[in-house]
Amino acid sequence: MFRPLLKPMVFLACLLPLGWLLWGFQADRLGANPIDEIADATGEWTLRLLLLTLAATPLKRLSGWAWPLRLRRMLGLFAFFYALLHLSTYLWLDQFFDWPEIGADILKRPFITVGMLAFALLLPLAATSNRAAVRRLGRNWKRLHRLAYLAPALGVLHYWWLVKADVLAPLVYGTLLTLLLAARLVHATGGRRPPAAARSRPPGAEAEPARR
């Protein structure tokens, strides 16, 4: 019944954080430092959406529902969208496109270095998220999109180094990411276990020939 409305509803839900930020900025409700508030909010929503993207496959395996996979690409693109807003906030509102200062910042401050690297990993993922890229890259598409595991890990590290002392939020995101990656690892290794008969056979014993 709700299947035709699912994607439009999720699309609108993903725009709500942006709408809240725009309203807060217009109404002067973002506190004493609105630039920091915008940077923090867009960065956190990038991580949340990346984790939701990674959660789609485990959720489908656990529940049998197919709809999480249909939302995965949209969630991934919105994660890139918020990452782009996060980066733009730093480049434009914080640094005013002062490229020498930005370059020095990247080299001098590790959390900036890691954040830039995480964004660089998201670029090819967003660029190859369409069906044409899937067909063109073939098996290499899956290899490339394994970067989806590394990018949020770097994002968590970026967040951890940014906050320094108050690490509760990045710790929560890091724990969720670890659980999601562990679920994928268990599924990948579980599918390679030998059959039960082979596991119970003594070492060195040969299989009994089939009877005719």
N, C-alpha and C. Protein backbone atom coordinates (compact mmCIF):
# COMPACT_ATOMS: atom_id res chain seq x y z
N MET A 1 0.83 -1.21 0.00
CA MET A 1 0.00 0.00 0.00
C MET A 1 0.87 1.26 0.00
N PHE A 2 1.93 1.26 0.85
CA PHE A 2 2.76 2.44 0.97
C PHE A 2 3.99 2.39 0.07
N ARG A 3 4.15 1.31 -0.72
CA ARG A 3 5.35 1.16 -1.52
C ARG A 3 5.56 2.31 -2.51
N PRO A 4 4.52 2.76 -3.24
CA PRO A 4 4.75 3.89 -4.17
C PRO A 4 5.17 5.18 -3.47
N LEU A 5 4.79 5.31 -2.19
CA LEU A 5 5.11 6.54 -1.46
C LEU A 5 6.43 6.46 -0.72
N LEU A 6 7.04 5.28 -0.68
CA LEU A 6 8.22 5.08 0.16
C LEU A 6 9.37 6.00 -0.24
N LYS A 7 9.74 5.97 -1.52
CA LYS A 7 10.87 6.79 -1.96
C LYS A 7 10.60 8.28 -1.80
N PRO A 8 9.43 8.80 -2.21
CA PRO A 8 9.17 10.22 -1.99
C PRO A 8 9.21 10.61 -0.52
N MET A 9 8.70 9.75 0.36
CA MET A 9 8.71 10.06 1.79
C MET A 9 10.13 10.09 2.33
N VAL A 10 10.97 9.13 1.92
CA VAL A 10 12.36 9.11 2.37
C VAL A 10 13.12 10.31 1.79
N PHE A 11 12.83 10.66 0.54
CA PHE A 11 13.47 11.83 -0.08
C PHE A 11 13.17 13.09 0.73
N LEU A 12 11.91 13.28 1.08
CA LEU A 12 11.54 14.46 1.86
C LEU A 12 12.16 14.42 3.25
N ALA A 13 12.20 13.22 3.85
CA ALA A 13 12.80 13.09 5.18
C ALA A 13 14.28 13.46 5.16
N CYS A 14 14.96 13.10 4.08
CA CYS A 14 16.39 13.43 3.97
C CYS A 14 16.62 14.92 3.77
N LEU A 15 15.61 15.64 3.31
CA LEU A 15 15.74 17.09 3.15
C LEU A 15 15.40 17.87 4.42
N LEU A 16 14.78 17.19 5.39
CA LEU A 16 14.37 17.88 6.62
C LEU A 16 15.54 18.53 7.36
N PRO A 17 16.70 17.84 7.52
CA PRO A 17 17.81 18.51 8.21
C PRO A 17 18.25 19.81 7.52
N LEU A 18 18.27 19.79 6.19
CA LEU A 18 18.63 21.00 5.45
C LEU A 18 17.60 22.10 5.69
N GLY A 19 16.31 21.73 5.66
CA GLY A 19 15.25 22.70 5.92
C GLY A 19 15.36 23.30 7.32
N TRP A 20 15.70 22.46 8.29
CA TRP A 20 15.86 22.95 9.67
C TRP A 20 17.01 23.94 9.75
N LEU A 21 18.13 23.64 9.07
CA LEU A 21 19.28 24.54 9.09
C LEU A 21 18.96 25.87 8.41
N LEU A 22 18.28 25.81 7.28
CA LEU A 22 17.93 27.04 6.57
C LEU A 22 16.99 27.89 7.40
N TRP A 23 16.00 27.24 8.04
CA TRP A 23 15.08 27.99 8.90
C TRP A 23 15.82 28.59 10.09
N GLY A 24 16.68 27.79 10.71
CA GLY A 24 17.42 28.27 11.87
C GLY A 24 18.34 29.43 11.53
N PHE A 25 18.96 29.36 10.36
CA PHE A 25 19.84 30.46 9.94
C PHE A 25 19.04 31.72 9.67
N GLN A 26 17.90 31.55 9.00
CA GLN A 26 17.06 32.70 8.67
C GLN A 26 16.47 33.33 9.94
N ALA A 27 16.09 32.48 10.91
CA ALA A 27 15.46 32.97 12.13
C ALA A 27 16.47 33.28 13.23
N ASP A 28 17.76 33.15 12.92
CA ASP A 28 18.82 33.40 13.90
C ASP A 28 18.65 32.49 15.12
N ARG A 29 18.42 31.20 14.86
CA ARG A 29 18.21 30.22 15.94
C ARG A 29 19.35 29.20 16.02
N LEU A 30 20.48 29.48 15.41
CA LEU A 30 21.58 28.51 15.40
C LEU A 30 22.66 28.80 16.44
N GLY A 31 22.32 29.64 17.42
CA GLY A 31 23.26 29.89 18.50
C GLY A 31 24.26 30.98 18.19
N ALA A 32 25.26 31.07 19.06
CA ALA A 32 26.24 32.15 18.95
C ALA A 32 27.18 31.96 17.77
N ASN A 33 27.36 30.71 17.34
CA ASN A 33 28.26 30.43 16.21
C ASN A 33 27.52 29.57 15.18
N PRO A 34 26.73 30.20 14.32
CA PRO A 34 25.93 29.44 13.36
C PRO A 34 26.76 28.63 12.37
N ILE A 35 27.96 29.10 12.05
CA ILE A 35 28.81 28.37 11.10
C ILE A 35 29.20 27.02 11.69
N ASP A 36 29.59 27.01 12.95
CA ASP A 36 29.92 25.75 13.61
C ASP A 36 28.71 24.83 13.68
N GLU A 37 27.55 25.40 13.94
CA GLU A 37 26.33 24.60 14.02
C GLU A 37 26.02 23.95 12.66
N ILE A 38 26.17 24.71 11.59
CA ILE A 38 25.94 24.17 10.25
C ILE A 38 26.95 23.08 9.93
N ALA A 39 28.22 23.34 10.24
CA ALA A 39 29.26 22.34 9.97
C ALA A 39 29.02 21.06 10.77
N ASP A 40 28.68 21.20 12.05
CA ASP A 40 28.44 20.02 12.88
C ASP A 40 27.24 19.22 12.39
N ALA A 41 26.15 19.93 12.07
CA ALA A 41 24.93 19.24 11.65
C ALA A 41 25.11 18.51 10.32
N THR A 42 25.72 19.18 9.35
CA THR A 42 25.91 18.53 8.05
C THR A 42 26.90 17.36 8.15
N GLY A 43 27.92 17.49 9.01
CA GLY A 43 28.85 16.38 9.20
C GLY A 43 28.19 15.18 9.85
N GLU A 44 27.37 15.43 10.87
CA GLU A 44 26.70 14.31 11.55
C GLU A 44 25.68 13.63 10.63
N TRP A 45 24.98 14.42 9.84
CA TRP A 45 24.01 13.81 8.93
C TRP A 45 24.69 13.02 7.81
N THR A 46 25.88 13.43 7.46
CA THR A 46 26.66 12.63 6.51
C THR A 46 26.93 11.25 7.09
N LEU A 47 27.39 11.19 8.33
CA LEU A 47 27.67 9.92 8.98
C LEU A 47 26.41 9.08 9.16
N ARG A 48 25.33 9.70 9.60
CA ARG A 48 24.09 8.96 9.81
C ARG A 48 23.59 8.32 8.53
N LEU A 49 23.63 9.06 7.44
CA LEU A 49 23.15 8.53 6.17
C LEU A 49 24.08 7.46 5.62
N LEU A 50 25.39 7.61 5.83
CA LEU A 50 26.31 6.55 5.42
C LEU A 50 26.03 5.26 6.18
N LEU A 51 25.76 5.38 7.48
CA LEU A 51 25.46 4.19 8.28
C LEU A 51 24.14 3.57 7.85
N LEU A 52 23.15 4.39 7.53
CA LEU A 52 21.88 3.85 7.03
C LEU A 52 22.08 3.13 5.70
N THR A 53 22.96 3.67 4.86
CA THR A 53 23.26 3.02 3.58
C THR A 53 23.87 1.65 3.80
N LEU A 54 24.82 1.56 4.74
CA LEU A 54 25.46 0.28 5.05
C LEU A 54 24.49 -0.69 5.74
N ALA A 55 23.49 -0.15 6.43
CA ALA A 55 22.55 -1.01 7.14
C ALA A 55 21.53 -1.66 6.23
N ALA A 56 21.41 -1.19 4.99
CA ALA A 56 20.36 -1.70 4.10
C ALA A 56 20.50 -3.20 3.84
N THR A 57 21.70 -3.65 3.52
CA THR A 57 21.88 -5.08 3.21
C THR A 57 21.68 -5.97 4.42
N PRO A 58 22.30 -5.69 5.59
CA PRO A 58 22.02 -6.53 6.76
C PRO A 58 20.55 -6.54 7.15
N LEU A 59 19.86 -5.41 7.03
CA LEU A 59 18.44 -5.36 7.36
C LEU A 59 17.64 -6.26 6.41
N LYS A 60 18.00 -6.25 5.14
CA LYS A 60 17.32 -7.10 4.18
C LYS A 60 17.53 -8.58 4.50
N ARG A 61 18.77 -8.93 4.89
CA ARG A 61 19.07 -10.33 5.22
C ARG A 61 18.34 -10.78 6.47
N LEU A 62 18.22 -9.89 7.45
CA LEU A 62 17.57 -10.27 8.70
C LEU A 62 16.05 -10.34 8.56
N SER A 63 15.49 -9.42 7.80
CA SER A 63 14.04 -9.30 7.73
C SER A 63 13.42 -9.96 6.51
N GLY A 64 14.23 -10.08 5.43
CA GLY A 64 13.67 -10.56 4.18
C GLY A 64 12.99 -9.48 3.37
N TRP A 65 12.94 -8.26 3.90
CA TRP A 65 12.32 -7.15 3.18
C TRP A 65 13.25 -6.66 2.07
N ALA A 66 12.68 -6.36 0.92
CA ALA A 66 13.50 -5.88 -0.20
C ALA A 66 13.61 -4.36 -0.24
N TRP A 67 12.70 -3.66 0.45
CA TRP A 67 12.68 -2.20 0.30
C TRP A 67 13.94 -1.49 0.80
N PRO A 68 14.67 -2.01 1.81
CA PRO A 68 15.90 -1.28 2.18
C PRO A 68 16.90 -1.15 1.03
N LEU A 69 16.99 -2.17 0.19
CA LEU A 69 17.93 -2.11 -0.94
C LEU A 69 17.49 -1.08 -1.96
N ARG A 70 16.19 -0.87 -2.09
CA ARG A 70 15.71 0.13 -3.04
C ARG A 70 16.01 1.56 -2.59
N LEU A 71 16.26 1.72 -1.31
CA LEU A 71 16.57 3.05 -0.78
C LEU A 71 18.06 3.32 -0.69
N ARG A 72 18.88 2.30 -0.89
CA ARG A 72 20.31 2.41 -0.61
C ARG A 72 20.99 3.49 -1.45
N ARG A 73 20.71 3.52 -2.73
CA ARG A 73 21.36 4.51 -3.60
C ARG A 73 20.96 5.93 -3.23
N MET A 74 19.66 6.14 -2.95
CA MET A 74 19.20 7.47 -2.57
C MET A 74 19.87 7.93 -1.28
N LEU A 75 19.96 7.04 -0.29
CA LEU A 75 20.59 7.40 0.97
C LEU A 75 22.07 7.71 0.77
N GLY A 76 22.74 6.93 -0.09
CA GLY A 76 24.15 7.19 -0.36
C GLY A 76 24.36 8.53 -1.03
N LEU A 77 23.49 8.88 -1.96
CA LEU A 77 23.63 10.18 -2.64
C LEU A 77 23.33 11.34 -1.69
N PHE A 78 22.37 11.15 -0.79
CA PHE A 78 22.11 12.20 0.20
C PHE A 78 23.28 12.32 1.17
N ALA A 79 23.93 11.20 1.49
CA ALA A 79 25.13 11.27 2.34
C ALA A 79 26.19 12.11 1.65
N PHE A 80 26.38 11.91 0.35
CA PHE A 80 27.34 12.72 -0.39
C PHE A 80 26.91 14.19 -0.43
N PHE A 81 25.62 14.43 -0.57
CA PHE A 81 25.09 15.79 -0.60
C PHE A 81 25.42 16.53 0.70
N TYR A 82 25.19 15.87 1.83
CA TYR A 82 25.49 16.51 3.12
C TYR A 82 27.00 16.64 3.34
N ALA A 83 27.77 15.67 2.83
CA ALA A 83 29.23 15.79 2.90
C ALA A 83 29.70 17.01 2.10
N LEU A 84 29.07 17.23 0.94
CA LEU A 84 29.41 18.39 0.11
C LEU A 84 29.05 19.70 0.83
N LEU A 85 27.90 19.71 1.50
CA LEU A 85 27.52 20.89 2.28
C LEU A 85 28.50 21.11 3.44
N HIS A 86 28.92 20.02 4.07
CA HIS A 86 29.88 20.10 5.18
C HIS A 86 31.20 20.70 4.70
N LEU A 87 31.69 20.21 3.56
CA LEU A 87 32.93 20.73 3.00
C LEU A 87 32.77 22.18 2.56
N SER A 88 31.64 22.49 1.93
CA SER A 88 31.41 23.87 1.45
C SER A 88 31.35 24.85 2.61
N THR A 89 30.79 24.41 3.74
CA THR A 89 30.74 25.27 4.92
C THR A 89 32.15 25.65 5.36
N TYR A 90 33.05 24.65 5.33
CA TYR A 90 34.44 24.91 5.72
C TYR A 90 35.13 25.81 4.69
N LEU A 91 35.00 25.48 3.40
CA LEU A 91 35.71 26.23 2.37
C LEU A 91 35.20 27.66 2.23
N TRP A 92 33.88 27.83 2.32
CA TRP A 92 33.27 29.12 2.03
C TRP A 92 33.05 29.95 3.30
N LEU A 93 32.24 29.43 4.23
CA LEU A 93 31.85 30.23 5.38
C LEU A 93 32.95 30.35 6.44
N ASP A 94 33.81 29.32 6.50
CA ASP A 94 34.87 29.35 7.51
C ASP A 94 36.17 29.96 6.96
N GLN A 95 36.58 29.52 5.76
CA GLN A 95 37.87 29.95 5.21
C GLN A 95 37.76 30.99 4.09
N PHE A 96 36.56 31.24 3.59
CA PHE A 96 36.34 32.23 2.52
C PHE A 96 37.24 31.95 1.30
N PHE A 97 37.40 30.68 0.98
CA PHE A 97 38.17 30.23 -0.17
C PHE A 97 39.61 30.76 -0.16
N ASP A 98 40.17 30.85 1.03
CA ASP A 98 41.58 31.23 1.17
C ASP A 98 42.43 29.97 0.96
N TRP A 99 42.76 29.69 -0.32
CA TRP A 99 43.37 28.41 -0.66
C TRP A 99 44.72 28.17 0.00
N PRO A 100 45.61 29.15 0.13
CA PRO A 100 46.86 28.90 0.86
C PRO A 100 46.61 28.49 2.32
N GLU A 101 45.64 29.16 2.96
CA GLU A 101 45.32 28.81 4.35
C GLU A 101 44.67 27.44 4.43
N ILE A 102 43.83 27.12 3.45
CA ILE A 102 43.18 25.80 3.43
C ILE A 102 44.23 24.71 3.25
N GLY A 103 45.17 24.93 2.32
CA GLY A 103 46.24 23.96 2.12
C GLY A 103 47.07 23.74 3.37
N ALA A 104 47.38 24.84 4.07
CA ALA A 104 48.15 24.72 5.31
C ALA A 104 47.35 23.99 6.38
N ASP A 105 46.04 24.24 6.41
CA ASP A 105 45.15 23.57 7.36
C ASP A 105 45.14 22.06 7.13
N ILE A 106 45.07 21.65 5.86
CA ILE A 106 45.03 20.23 5.54
C ILE A 106 46.31 19.53 5.99
N LEU A 107 47.44 20.20 5.83
CA LEU A 107 48.72 19.60 6.19
C LEU A 107 48.97 19.65 7.70
N LYS A 108 48.43 20.67 8.36
CA LYS A 108 48.77 20.92 9.76
C LYS A 108 47.82 20.23 10.74
N ARG A 109 46.55 20.10 10.35
CA ARG A 109 45.53 19.60 11.29
C ARG A 109 45.05 18.22 10.83
N PRO A 110 45.36 17.16 11.59
CA PRO A 110 45.04 15.79 11.14
C PRO A 110 43.56 15.56 10.88
N PHE A 111 42.67 16.17 11.68
CA PHE A 111 41.24 15.91 11.46
C PHE A 111 40.77 16.50 10.13
N ILE A 112 41.39 17.60 9.69
CA ILE A 112 41.08 18.15 8.37
C ILE A 112 41.61 17.23 7.29
N THR A 113 42.81 16.72 7.48
CA THR A 113 43.41 15.80 6.49
C THR A 113 42.54 14.58 6.29
N VAL A 114 42.11 13.97 7.39
CA VAL A 114 41.29 12.75 7.32
C VAL A 114 39.92 13.07 6.72
N GLY A 115 39.35 14.23 7.07
CA GLY A 115 38.06 14.61 6.51
C GLY A 115 38.12 14.80 5.00
N MET A 116 39.18 15.43 4.52
CA MET A 116 39.35 15.61 3.08
C MET A 116 39.51 14.27 2.38
N LEU A 117 40.24 13.35 3.00
CA LEU A 117 40.41 12.03 2.41
C LEU A 117 39.08 11.29 2.35
N ALA A 118 38.28 11.39 3.40
CA ALA A 118 36.96 10.74 3.40
C ALA A 118 36.09 11.29 2.28
N PHE A 119 36.11 12.61 2.09
CA PHE A 119 35.32 13.20 1.00
C PHE A 119 35.83 12.74 -0.35
N ALA A 120 37.15 12.65 -0.51
CA ALA A 120 37.72 12.19 -1.78
C ALA A 120 37.27 10.77 -2.10
N LEU A 121 37.09 9.93 -1.08
CA LEU A 121 36.61 8.56 -1.31
C LEU A 121 35.14 8.53 -1.71
N LEU A 122 34.38 9.51 -1.22
CA LEU A 122 32.95 9.55 -1.58
C LEU A 122 32.73 10.01 -3.01
N LEU A 123 33.66 10.78 -3.56
CA LEU A 123 33.47 11.31 -4.92
C LEU A 123 33.25 10.21 -5.96
N PRO A 124 34.13 9.19 -6.07
CA PRO A 124 33.88 8.15 -7.08
C PRO A 124 32.63 7.33 -6.79
N LEU A 125 32.26 7.21 -5.53
CA LEU A 125 31.04 6.47 -5.21
C LEU A 125 29.81 7.19 -5.75
N ALA A 126 29.77 8.50 -5.54
CA ALA A 126 28.63 9.28 -6.05
C ALA A 126 28.62 9.32 -7.57
N ALA A 127 29.81 9.45 -8.17
CA ALA A 127 29.90 9.56 -9.63
C ALA A 127 29.50 8.27 -10.33
N THR A 128 29.62 7.13 -9.66
CA THR A 128 29.33 5.83 -10.29
C THR A 128 28.11 5.16 -9.69
N SER A 129 27.20 5.95 -9.12
CA SER A 129 26.03 5.37 -8.48
C SER A 129 24.89 5.06 -9.46
N ASN A 130 25.03 5.49 -10.71
CA ASN A 130 23.95 5.27 -11.68
C ASN A 130 24.08 3.91 -12.37
N ARG A 131 23.02 3.49 -13.00
CA ARG A 131 22.98 2.17 -13.65
C ARG A 131 23.97 2.07 -14.81
N ALA A 132 24.17 3.18 -15.51
CA ALA A 132 25.13 3.16 -16.63
C ALA A 132 26.53 2.83 -16.13
N ALA A 133 26.91 3.39 -14.98
CA ALA A 133 28.23 3.09 -14.42
C ALA A 133 28.33 1.64 -13.98
N VAL A 134 27.24 1.10 -13.44
CA VAL A 134 27.24 -0.31 -13.04
C VAL A 134 27.49 -1.21 -14.24
N ARG A 135 26.81 -0.91 -15.34
CA ARG A 135 27.00 -1.73 -16.55
C ARG A 135 28.40 -1.54 -17.13
N ARG A 136 28.89 -0.33 -17.12
CA ARG A 136 30.19 -0.04 -17.74
C ARG A 136 31.35 -0.64 -16.93
N LEU A 137 31.26 -0.59 -15.62
CA LEU A 137 32.36 -1.07 -14.78
C LEU A 137 32.31 -2.57 -14.52
N GLY A 138 31.12 -3.16 -14.62
CA GLY A 138 31.01 -4.61 -14.40
C GLY A 138 31.43 -5.00 -12.99
N ARG A 139 32.31 -6.01 -12.91
CA ARG A 139 32.75 -6.47 -11.59
C ARG A 139 33.55 -5.42 -10.84
N ASN A 140 34.21 -4.52 -11.57
CA ASN A 140 34.99 -3.48 -10.92
C ASN A 140 34.12 -2.51 -10.12
N TRP A 141 32.81 -2.46 -10.45
CA TRP A 141 31.92 -1.58 -9.71
C TRP A 141 31.85 -1.98 -8.25
N LYS A 142 31.73 -3.29 -7.99
CA LYS A 142 31.67 -3.75 -6.59
C LYS A 142 32.99 -3.49 -5.87
N ARG A 143 34.09 -3.69 -6.57
CA ARG A 143 35.40 -3.42 -5.95
C ARG A 143 35.52 -1.94 -5.57
N LEU A 144 35.09 -1.08 -6.49
CA LEU A 144 35.17 0.36 -6.22
C LEU A 144 34.29 0.74 -5.04
N HIS A 145 33.11 0.17 -4.97
CA HIS A 145 32.15 0.57 -3.94
C HIS A 145 32.44 -0.04 -2.58
N ARG A 146 33.52 -0.80 -2.47
CA ARG A 146 33.99 -1.19 -1.14
C ARG A 146 34.57 0.01 -0.38
N LEU A 147 34.82 1.09 -1.11
CA LEU A 147 35.22 2.33 -0.44
C LEU A 147 34.13 2.82 0.51
N ALA A 148 32.90 2.35 0.31
CA ALA A 148 31.80 2.73 1.20
C ALA A 148 32.04 2.25 2.62
N TYR A 149 32.93 1.28 2.81
CA TYR A 149 33.27 0.83 4.16
C TYR A 149 34.34 1.73 4.78
N LEU A 150 35.25 2.21 3.96
CA LEU A 150 36.37 3.00 4.47
C LEU A 150 35.98 4.45 4.72
N ALA A 151 35.14 5.02 3.86
CA ALA A 151 34.78 6.43 3.99
C ALA A 151 34.13 6.75 5.34
N PRO A 152 33.12 5.97 5.81
CA PRO A 152 32.57 6.30 7.13
C PRO A 152 33.55 6.07 8.27
N ALA A 153 34.46 5.11 8.11
CA ALA A 153 35.48 4.90 9.15
C ALA A 153 36.36 6.15 9.28
N LEU A 154 36.75 6.72 8.14
CA LEU A 154 37.52 7.96 8.17
C LEU A 154 36.68 9.12 8.70
N GLY A 155 35.38 9.09 8.39
CA GLY A 155 34.48 10.12 8.92
C GLY A 155 34.39 10.07 10.43
N VAL A 156 34.31 8.87 10.99
CA VAL A 156 34.28 8.73 12.45
C VAL A 156 35.58 9.24 13.07
N LEU A 157 36.71 8.89 12.44
CA LEU A 157 38.00 9.36 12.93
C LEU A 157 38.11 10.89 12.86
N HIS A 158 37.64 11.43 11.76
CA HIS A 158 37.60 12.90 11.59
C HIS A 158 36.80 13.54 12.72
N TYR A 159 35.65 12.98 13.04
CA TYR A 159 34.79 13.51 14.09
C TYR A 159 35.46 13.37 15.46
N TRP A 160 36.08 12.21 15.70
CA TRP A 160 36.74 11.93 16.98
C TRP A 160 37.85 12.94 17.23
N TRP A 161 38.70 13.16 16.24
CA TRP A 161 39.81 14.10 16.40
C TRP A 161 39.33 15.54 16.50
N LEU A 162 38.18 15.82 15.91
CA LEU A 162 37.63 17.18 15.97
C LEU A 162 37.18 17.52 17.38
N VAL A 163 36.40 16.60 18.01
CA VAL A 163 35.82 16.92 19.32
C VAL A 163 36.82 16.73 20.46
N LYS A 164 37.84 15.91 20.26
CA LYS A 164 38.94 15.71 21.22
C LYS A 164 38.47 15.08 22.53
N ALA A 165 37.78 15.84 23.39
CA ALA A 165 37.44 15.33 24.72
C ALA A 165 36.05 14.68 24.77
N ASP A 166 35.06 15.34 24.23
CA ASP A 166 33.68 14.83 24.29
C ASP A 166 33.45 13.85 23.13
N VAL A 167 33.88 12.61 23.34
CA VAL A 167 33.91 11.64 22.23
C VAL A 167 32.69 10.71 22.23
N LEU A 168 31.65 11.02 23.01
CA LEU A 168 30.51 10.12 23.09
C LEU A 168 29.85 9.90 21.73
N ALA A 169 29.57 10.99 21.00
CA ALA A 169 28.89 10.86 19.71
C ALA A 169 29.73 10.07 18.70
N PRO A 170 31.01 10.42 18.47
CA PRO A 170 31.79 9.60 17.54
C PRO A 170 31.96 8.16 18.02
N LEU A 171 31.96 7.93 19.33
CA LEU A 171 32.04 6.56 19.84
C LEU A 171 30.79 5.77 19.47
N VAL A 172 29.63 6.41 19.56
CA VAL A 172 28.38 5.74 19.17
C VAL A 172 28.40 5.41 17.69
N TYR A 173 28.80 6.37 16.85
CA TYR A 173 28.86 6.12 15.41
C TYR A 173 29.89 5.04 15.09
N GLY A 174 31.02 5.07 15.77
CA GLY A 174 32.04 4.06 15.54
C GLY A 174 31.57 2.67 15.93
N THR A 175 30.82 2.58 17.03
CA THR A 175 30.28 1.28 17.47
C THR A 175 29.27 0.73 16.45
N LEU A 176 28.38 1.60 15.98
CA LEU A 176 27.40 1.17 14.98
C LEU A 176 28.09 0.72 13.70
N LEU A 177 29.11 1.46 13.28
CA LEU A 177 29.85 1.08 12.08
C LEU A 177 30.54 -0.27 12.27
N THR A 178 31.12 -0.48 13.43
CA THR A 178 31.78 -1.76 13.71
C THR A 178 30.79 -2.91 13.65
N LEU A 179 29.60 -2.72 14.20
CA LEU A 179 28.58 -3.77 14.18
C LEU A 179 28.13 -4.08 12.75
N LEU A 180 27.96 -3.03 11.95
CA LEU A 180 27.54 -3.24 10.56
C LEU A 180 28.61 -3.96 9.75
N LEU A 181 29.86 -3.58 9.96
CA LEU A 181 30.95 -4.25 9.23
C LEU A 181 31.12 -5.69 9.72
N ALA A 182 30.92 -5.91 11.03
CA ALA A 182 31.02 -7.27 11.56
C ALA A 182 29.92 -8.15 10.98
N ALA A 183 28.72 -7.61 10.83
CA ALA A 183 27.62 -8.38 10.24
C ALA A 183 27.95 -8.79 8.81
N ARG A 184 28.54 -7.89 8.05
CA ARG A 184 28.94 -8.23 6.68
C ARG A 184 30.04 -9.27 6.66
N LEU A 185 30.99 -9.15 7.58
CA LEU A 185 32.10 -10.10 7.64
C LEU A 185 31.60 -11.49 8.01
N VAL A 186 30.70 -11.57 8.97
CA VAL A 186 30.14 -12.86 9.37
C VAL A 186 29.40 -13.50 8.21
N HIS A 187 28.64 -12.70 7.48
CA HIS A 187 27.90 -13.25 6.33
C HIS A 187 28.87 -13.74 5.25
N ALA A 188 29.93 -12.95 4.99
CA ALA A 188 30.88 -13.32 3.93
C ALA A 188 31.65 -14.58 4.29
N THR A 189 32.09 -14.72 5.53
CA THR A 189 32.86 -15.90 5.92
C THR A 189 31.97 -17.10 6.17
N GLY A 190 30.74 -16.87 6.61
CA GLY A 190 29.82 -17.98 6.86
C GLY A 190 29.45 -18.72 5.61
N GLY A 191 29.44 -18.02 4.48
CA GLY A 191 29.09 -18.67 3.22
C GLY A 191 30.19 -19.55 2.66
N ARG A 192 31.38 -19.50 3.27
CA ARG A 192 32.50 -20.27 2.74
C ARG A 192 32.80 -21.50 3.59
N ARG A 193 31.98 -21.77 4.59
CA ARG A 193 32.25 -22.93 5.44
C ARG A 193 32.00 -24.21 4.65
N PRO A 194 32.81 -25.25 4.87
CA PRO A 194 32.61 -26.50 4.15
C PRO A 194 31.33 -27.18 4.60
N PRO A 195 30.79 -28.11 3.80
CA PRO A 195 29.58 -28.83 4.17
C PRO A 195 29.78 -29.57 5.49
N ALA A 196 28.66 -29.89 6.16
CA ALA A 196 28.72 -30.55 7.46
C ALA A 196 29.44 -31.88 7.38
N ALA A 197 29.22 -32.66 6.30
CA ALA A 197 29.86 -33.96 6.16
C ALA A 197 31.37 -33.82 6.06
N ALA A 198 31.82 -32.77 5.36
CA ALA A 198 33.25 -32.56 5.22
C ALA A 198 33.88 -32.11 6.52
N ARG A 199 33.10 -31.31 7.32
CA ARG A 199 33.65 -30.85 8.59
C ARG A 199 33.79 -31.99 9.59
N SER A 200 32.89 -33.02 9.51
CA SER A 200 32.93 -34.11 10.46
C SER A 200 33.88 -35.22 10.05
N ARG A 201 34.41 -35.20 8.81
CA ARG A 201 35.29 -36.24 8.33
C ARG A 201 36.66 -36.09 8.98
N PRO A 202 37.27 -37.16 9.46
CA PRO A 202 38.60 -37.07 10.07
C PRO A 202 39.61 -36.54 9.07
N PRO A 203 40.65 -35.83 9.58
CA PRO A 203 41.67 -35.31 8.66
C PRO A 203 42.34 -36.43 7.88
N GLY A 204 42.51 -36.23 6.60
CA GLY A 204 43.16 -37.21 5.76
C GLY A 204 42.25 -38.29 5.21
N ALA A 205 41.01 -38.37 5.74
CA ALA A 205 40.09 -39.39 5.25
C ALA A 205 39.50 -38.96 3.93
N GLU A 206 39.28 -39.92 3.04
CA GLU A 206 38.70 -39.62 1.74
C GLU A 206 37.21 -39.84 1.78
N ALA A 207 36.52 -39.17 0.89
CA ALA A 207 35.07 -39.33 0.84
C ALA A 207 34.73 -40.73 0.34
N GLU A 208 33.67 -41.30 0.92
CA GLU A 208 33.22 -42.62 0.52
C GLU A 208 32.66 -42.55 -0.89
N PRO A 209 33.10 -43.43 -1.79
CA PRO A 209 32.58 -43.37 -3.15
C PRO A 209 31.08 -43.59 -3.20
N ALA A 210 30.45 -42.91 -4.12
CA ALA A 210 29.00 -43.03 -4.23
C ALA A 210 28.63 -44.42 -4.72
N ARG A 211 27.55 -44.96 -4.11
CA ARG A 211 27.08 -46.29 -4.51
C ARG A 211 26.23 -46.19 -5.75
N ARG A 212 26.41 -47.16 -6.59
CA ARG A 212 25.62 -47.19 -7.83
C ARG A 212 24.37 -48.06 -7.63
